[in-house]
């Protein structure tokens, strides 16, 4: 059995419309139409004061909202790279490149 045969046997696939009949329509949401609820526990990665805030509020917070960073780090990041928010830290091209390099480290062939 070929892949085309298998696909053709699925409901709504491979059937041709008869005279006067409408072609079968696929029901249900497509991949792009599906909404998926995602729940992530960020409490270990955030300072206690930021644990119950929305993602947008956390992204707009200073880098010290991340566990392990302090107001001294906020000042250093601002002076060195102009970074004043978690959003800017996460989208900074240097940090993004470093993250990609770490991810690729064991992928070299």
Protein backbone atom coordinates (compact mmCIF):
# COMPACT_ATOMS: atom_id res chain seq x y z
CA UNK A 1 0.00 0.00 0.00
CA UNK A 2 1.43 3.38 -0.95
CA UNK A 3 1.29 6.60 1.01
CA UNK A 4 -1.13 7.99 -1.56
CA UNK A 5 -3.41 4.97 -1.02
CA UNK A 6 -3.31 5.49 2.74
CA UNK A 7 -4.03 9.20 2.45
CA UNK A 8 -6.78 8.53 -0.07
CA UNK A 9 -8.50 6.20 2.37
CA UNK A 10 -8.74 8.81 5.11
CA UNK A 11 -12.19 10.36 5.56
CA UNK A 12 -12.58 13.40 3.34
CA UNK A 13 -9.43 12.58 1.35
CA UNK A 14 -9.19 11.20 -2.15
CA UNK A 15 -12.94 11.36 -2.76
CA UNK A 16 -14.12 13.13 -5.83
CA UNK A 17 -17.36 15.04 -5.97
CA UNK A 18 -20.16 13.40 -7.91
CA UNK A 19 -22.37 15.46 -10.20
CA UNK A 20 -24.26 17.87 -7.96
CA UNK A 21 -22.38 16.76 -4.81
CA UNK A 22 -20.08 19.08 -2.95
CA UNK A 23 -16.55 17.85 -2.32
CA UNK A 24 -16.15 16.50 1.22
CA UNK A 25 -14.98 19.11 3.69
CA UNK A 26 -12.54 18.47 6.51
CA UNK A 27 -13.97 19.32 9.90
CA UNK A 28 -12.18 20.49 13.02
CA UNK A 29 -9.54 23.13 13.57
CA UNK A 30 -6.34 23.25 11.56
CA UNK A 31 -2.95 23.43 13.25
CA UNK A 32 -2.97 27.22 12.93
CA UNK A 33 -6.47 27.51 14.39
CA UNK A 34 -5.80 25.42 17.48
CA UNK A 35 -5.23 27.29 20.72
CA UNK A 36 -3.16 25.50 23.29
CA UNK A 37 -3.06 26.45 26.94
CA UNK A 38 0.46 26.27 28.31
CA UNK A 39 1.33 26.47 31.95
CA UNK A 40 4.92 27.10 32.99
CA UNK A 41 6.24 27.36 36.53
CA UNK A 42 8.82 30.13 36.49
CA UNK A 43 9.04 30.58 40.26
CA UNK A 44 12.59 29.20 40.52
CA UNK A 45 13.77 31.55 37.80
CA UNK A 46 12.23 34.73 39.19
CA UNK A 47 12.73 36.93 42.19
CA UNK A 48 9.88 36.32 44.67
CA UNK A 49 8.43 39.80 44.04
CA UNK A 50 7.80 38.91 40.38
CA UNK A 51 6.45 35.35 40.68
CA UNK A 52 2.76 36.25 40.31
CA UNK A 53 3.06 38.79 37.51
CA UNK A 54 2.06 38.28 33.89
CA UNK A 55 4.69 37.49 31.28
CA UNK A 56 4.35 41.01 29.87
CA UNK A 57 4.91 42.53 33.32
CA UNK A 58 7.99 40.35 33.84
CA UNK A 59 9.37 41.28 30.41
CA UNK A 60 8.93 44.96 31.26
CA UNK A 61 10.66 44.54 34.65
CA UNK A 62 14.35 45.20 35.27
CA UNK A 63 16.77 42.27 34.81
CA UNK A 64 16.92 41.87 38.60
CA UNK A 65 13.44 40.31 38.34
CA UNK A 66 15.37 37.17 37.36
CA UNK A 67 16.57 35.08 40.28
CA UNK A 68 20.27 35.63 40.89
CA UNK A 69 20.48 39.12 39.44
CA UNK A 70 20.54 42.20 41.66
CA UNK A 71 20.11 45.94 41.23
CA UNK A 72 23.91 46.12 40.84
CA UNK A 73 23.55 43.88 37.77
CA UNK A 74 20.78 46.17 36.49
CA UNK A 75 23.20 49.12 36.62
CA UNK A 76 26.02 47.17 34.98
CA UNK A 77 23.79 45.92 32.14
CA UNK A 78 22.43 49.43 31.59
CA UNK A 79 25.88 51.02 31.50
CA UNK A 80 27.53 48.34 29.36
CA UNK A 81 24.76 47.38 26.92
CA UNK A 82 21.86 49.78 27.45
CA UNK A 83 19.70 46.93 28.78
CA UNK A 84 17.03 48.03 31.26
CA UNK A 85 14.36 45.31 30.96
CA UNK A 86 14.11 41.51 30.90
CA UNK A 87 12.71 41.88 27.36
CA UNK A 88 15.83 43.72 26.20
CA UNK A 89 18.05 41.17 27.93
CA UNK A 90 16.25 38.27 26.25
CA UNK A 91 16.33 39.83 22.81
CA UNK A 92 19.87 41.18 22.94
CA UNK A 93 21.80 39.95 19.90
CA UNK A 94 24.89 39.02 21.91
CA UNK A 95 22.96 36.90 24.39
CA UNK A 96 20.89 35.37 21.58
CA UNK A 97 24.03 34.39 19.66
CA UNK A 98 25.62 32.94 22.78
CA UNK A 99 22.46 30.88 23.40
CA UNK A 100 22.52 29.53 19.85
CA UNK A 101 26.20 28.61 20.15
CA UNK A 102 25.55 26.72 23.39
CA UNK A 103 22.67 24.84 21.75
CA UNK A 104 24.87 23.94 18.77
CA UNK A 105 27.88 22.85 20.79
CA UNK A 106 27.06 19.13 20.70
CA UNK A 107 25.50 19.23 17.23
CA UNK A 108 28.74 19.67 15.31
CA UNK A 109 29.29 16.86 12.86
